[in-house]
Amino acid sequence: MTRPLIFLLLATLALPVLAQNTGGDAVARVNQLKAAVAPGKQIFMARQLQLSNADDAAFWPVYDAHQAGLADLAERRSRLLARHAQRLADGQVDDGDIEDLAEEMLALEADEADLLESSFARLGRTGLPVEKAVRYIQLEKDLRALRHFENGNDADYRFN
């Protein structure tokens, strides 16, 4: 169980580097995604998923719950990193603290994966066509990658 989580954290940390190393194509894709999301995430999702009236009733409650879950995860991540940054500034970080940070970051990654899985399952139970449910999960993953790409130069993961 620990190995997949470590791989997930490493893959997450590597996303900005990989995106930067793939050249112009990655930058063009990022810019296209940013432009498409610029009017707002809900508008972006509606356009991408081309929801019918029946789909709307099934999709938006799950979407709202998913966004609330993402906001909770973002808040938890922010508190964790702020606490670590404060300990770092105070010169109180040791190897145990670094290991704890890594474990807590991995737990957040696992929680986000669980959130995606549960949202997908909920969409399936609502009767939304599976193609649209899968597309929604893909879009959320793309937007997650965009967030990581944009935050690639942040000092979120400094250990010393």
Protein backbone atom coordinates (compact mmCIF):
# COMPACT_ATOMS: atom_id res chain seq x y z
CA MET A 1 0.00 0.00 0.00
CA THR A 2 2.86 2.39 0.78
CA ARG A 3 4.62 1.92 -2.56
CA PRO A 4 1.66 3.08 -4.68
CA LEU A 5 1.25 6.12 -2.45
CA ILE A 6 4.94 7.00 -2.72
CA PHE A 7 4.72 6.60 -6.50
CA LEU A 8 1.65 8.85 -6.55
CA LEU A 9 3.45 11.56 -4.56
CA LEU A 10 6.53 11.36 -6.76
CA ALA A 11 4.41 11.49 -9.90
CA THR A 12 2.55 14.51 -8.53
CA LEU A 13 5.75 16.30 -7.68
CA ALA A 14 7.16 15.50 -11.11
CA LEU A 15 4.20 16.86 -13.10
CA PRO A 16 5.50 20.43 -13.35
CA VAL A 17 8.95 19.22 -14.34
CA LEU A 18 7.59 16.81 -16.94
CA ALA A 19 5.31 19.45 -18.36
CA GLN A 20 8.19 21.90 -18.65
CA ASN A 21 10.42 19.33 -20.31
CA THR A 22 8.00 18.32 -23.05
CA GLY A 23 8.46 21.64 -24.79
CA GLY A 24 5.95 23.76 -26.65
CA ASP A 25 3.22 21.12 -26.88
CA ALA A 26 2.75 21.00 -23.12
CA VAL A 27 2.77 24.76 -22.82
CA ALA A 28 0.26 25.03 -25.67
CA ARG A 29 -2.02 22.45 -24.01
CA VAL A 30 -1.79 24.26 -20.69
CA ASN A 31 -2.60 27.57 -22.35
CA GLN A 32 -5.57 26.04 -24.18
CA LEU A 33 -6.91 24.58 -20.96
CA LYS A 34 -6.43 27.86 -19.10
CA ALA A 35 -8.29 29.73 -21.84
CA ALA A 36 -11.13 27.20 -21.84
CA VAL A 37 -11.55 27.45 -18.06
CA ALA A 38 -11.24 31.24 -17.96
CA PRO A 39 -15.02 31.90 -18.14
CA GLY A 40 -15.48 29.68 -15.09
CA LYS A 41 -15.22 26.04 -14.17
CA GLN A 42 -18.97 25.37 -14.32
CA ILE A 43 -19.24 26.90 -17.78
CA PHE A 44 -16.20 24.90 -18.85
CA MET A 45 -17.72 21.65 -17.57
CA ALA A 46 -21.10 22.33 -19.16
CA ARG A 47 -19.46 23.04 -22.51
CA GLN A 48 -17.17 20.03 -22.35
CA LEU A 49 -19.82 17.56 -21.19
CA GLN A 50 -22.69 18.90 -23.33
CA LEU A 51 -25.22 17.99 -20.67
CA SER A 52 -28.87 17.49 -21.53
CA ASN A 53 -31.58 18.66 -19.14
CA ALA A 54 -31.78 15.15 -17.66
CA ASP A 55 -27.98 15.07 -17.34
CA ASP A 56 -28.03 18.41 -15.52
CA ALA A 57 -30.19 17.02 -12.73
CA ALA A 58 -27.86 14.04 -12.31
CA PHE A 59 -24.55 15.84 -12.71
CA TRP A 60 -24.60 19.14 -10.81
CA PRO A 61 -25.28 17.81 -7.29
CA VAL A 62 -22.33 15.40 -7.66
CA TYR A 63 -20.21 18.18 -9.13
CA ASP A 64 -21.04 20.46 -6.19
CA ALA A 65 -20.17 17.76 -3.67
CA HIS A 66 -16.92 17.05 -5.50
CA GLN A 67 -15.98 20.74 -5.48
CA ALA A 68 -16.69 20.93 -1.74
CA GLY A 69 -14.40 17.94 -1.25
CA LEU A 70 -11.68 19.58 -3.34
CA ALA A 71 -12.01 22.78 -1.30
CA ASP A 72 -11.63 20.78 1.91
CA LEU A 73 -8.52 19.07 0.56
CA ALA A 74 -7.06 22.40 -0.55
CA GLU A 75 -7.65 23.86 2.91
CA ARG A 76 -6.05 20.84 4.58
CA ARG A 77 -3.07 21.09 2.22
CA SER A 78 -2.73 24.80 2.85
CA ARG A 79 -2.80 24.34 6.65
CA LEU A 80 -0.27 21.51 6.43
CA LEU A 81 2.13 23.50 4.29
CA ALA A 82 1.72 26.64 6.41
CA ARG A 83 2.46 24.65 9.55
CA HIS A 84 5.53 23.14 7.91
CA ALA A 85 6.70 26.54 6.62
CA GLN A 86 6.37 28.02 10.10
CA ARG A 87 8.35 25.17 11.66
CA LEU A 88 10.94 25.60 8.91
CA ALA A 89 11.18 29.35 9.55
CA ASP A 90 11.56 28.67 13.28
CA GLY A 91 14.36 26.20 12.56
CA GLN A 92 12.39 23.37 14.15
CA VAL A 93 12.33 20.88 11.28
CA ASP A 94 14.01 17.52 11.67
CA ASP A 95 13.94 14.29 9.68
CA GLY A 96 10.84 13.11 11.56
CA ASP A 97 8.99 16.28 10.57
CA ILE A 98 9.95 15.79 6.95
CA GLU A 99 8.75 12.20 7.04
CA ASP A 100 5.50 13.31 8.69
CA LEU A 101 4.98 15.95 5.99
CA ALA A 102 5.56 13.38 3.25
CA GLU A 103 3.09 10.98 4.87
CA GLU A 104 0.46 13.69 5.29
CA MET A 105 0.92 14.84 1.69
CA LEU A 106 0.54 11.24 0.54
CA ALA A 107 -2.62 10.93 2.62
CA LEU A 108 -4.01 14.03 0.91
CA GLU A 109 -3.19 12.56 -2.50
CA ALA A 110 -4.94 9.32 -1.53
CA ASP A 111 -7.95 11.27 -0.26
CA GLU A 112 -8.16 13.12 -3.58
CA ALA A 113 -8.02 9.84 -5.47
CA ASP A 114 -10.78 8.50 -3.21
CA LEU A 115 -12.84 11.61 -3.90
CA LEU A 116 -12.52 11.08 -7.66
CA GLU A 117 -13.50 7.45 -7.26
CA SER A 118 -16.53 8.21 -5.12
CA SER A 119 -17.67 11.00 -7.44
CA PHE A 120 -17.42 8.65 -10.40
CA ALA A 121 -19.44 6.02 -8.53
CA ARG A 122 -22.08 8.60 -7.57
CA LEU A 123 -22.36 9.74 -11.17
CA GLY A 124 -22.88 6.15 -12.22
CA ARG A 125 -25.71 5.75 -9.71
CA THR A 126 -27.45 8.90 -10.99
CA GLY A 127 -27.88 7.48 -14.46
CA LEU A 128 -25.51 9.93 -16.15
CA PRO A 129 -24.14 8.25 -19.29
CA VAL A 130 -20.87 6.55 -18.43
CA GLU A 131 -19.05 8.40 -21.22
CA LYS A 132 -19.91 11.72 -19.58
CA ALA A 133 -18.94 10.46 -16.13
CA VAL A 134 -15.58 9.30 -17.45
CA ARG A 135 -15.10 12.59 -19.30
CA TYR A 136 -15.84 14.52 -16.11
CA ILE A 137 -13.19 12.58 -14.20
CA GLN A 138 -10.71 13.19 -17.03
CA LEU A 139 -11.46 16.90 -16.94
CA GLU A 140 -10.98 17.05 -13.18
CA LYS A 141 -7.65 15.29 -13.57
CA ASP A 142 -6.64 17.75 -16.31
CA LEU A 143 -7.54 20.68 -14.09
CA ARG A 144 -5.61 19.11 -11.22
CA ALA A 145 -2.56 18.83 -13.48
CA LEU A 146 -3.06 22.47 -14.47
CA ARG A 147 -3.04 23.51 -10.81
CA HIS A 148 0.17 21.58 -10.26
CA PHE A 149 1.71 23.03 -13.41
CA GLU A 150 0.86 26.56 -12.33
CA ASN A 151 2.21 25.91 -8.83
CA GLY A 152 5.34 24.17 -10.10
CA ASN A 153 7.60 26.98 -9.03
CA ASP A 154 6.04 27.39 -5.61
CA ALA A 155 8.00 26.40 -2.55
CA ASP A 156 5.19 24.16 -1.30
CA TYR A 157 7.38 21.11 -1.00
CA ARG A 158 10.56 22.60 0.46
CA PHE A 159 12.03 20.48 3.17
CA ASN A 160 14.93 22.65 4.31
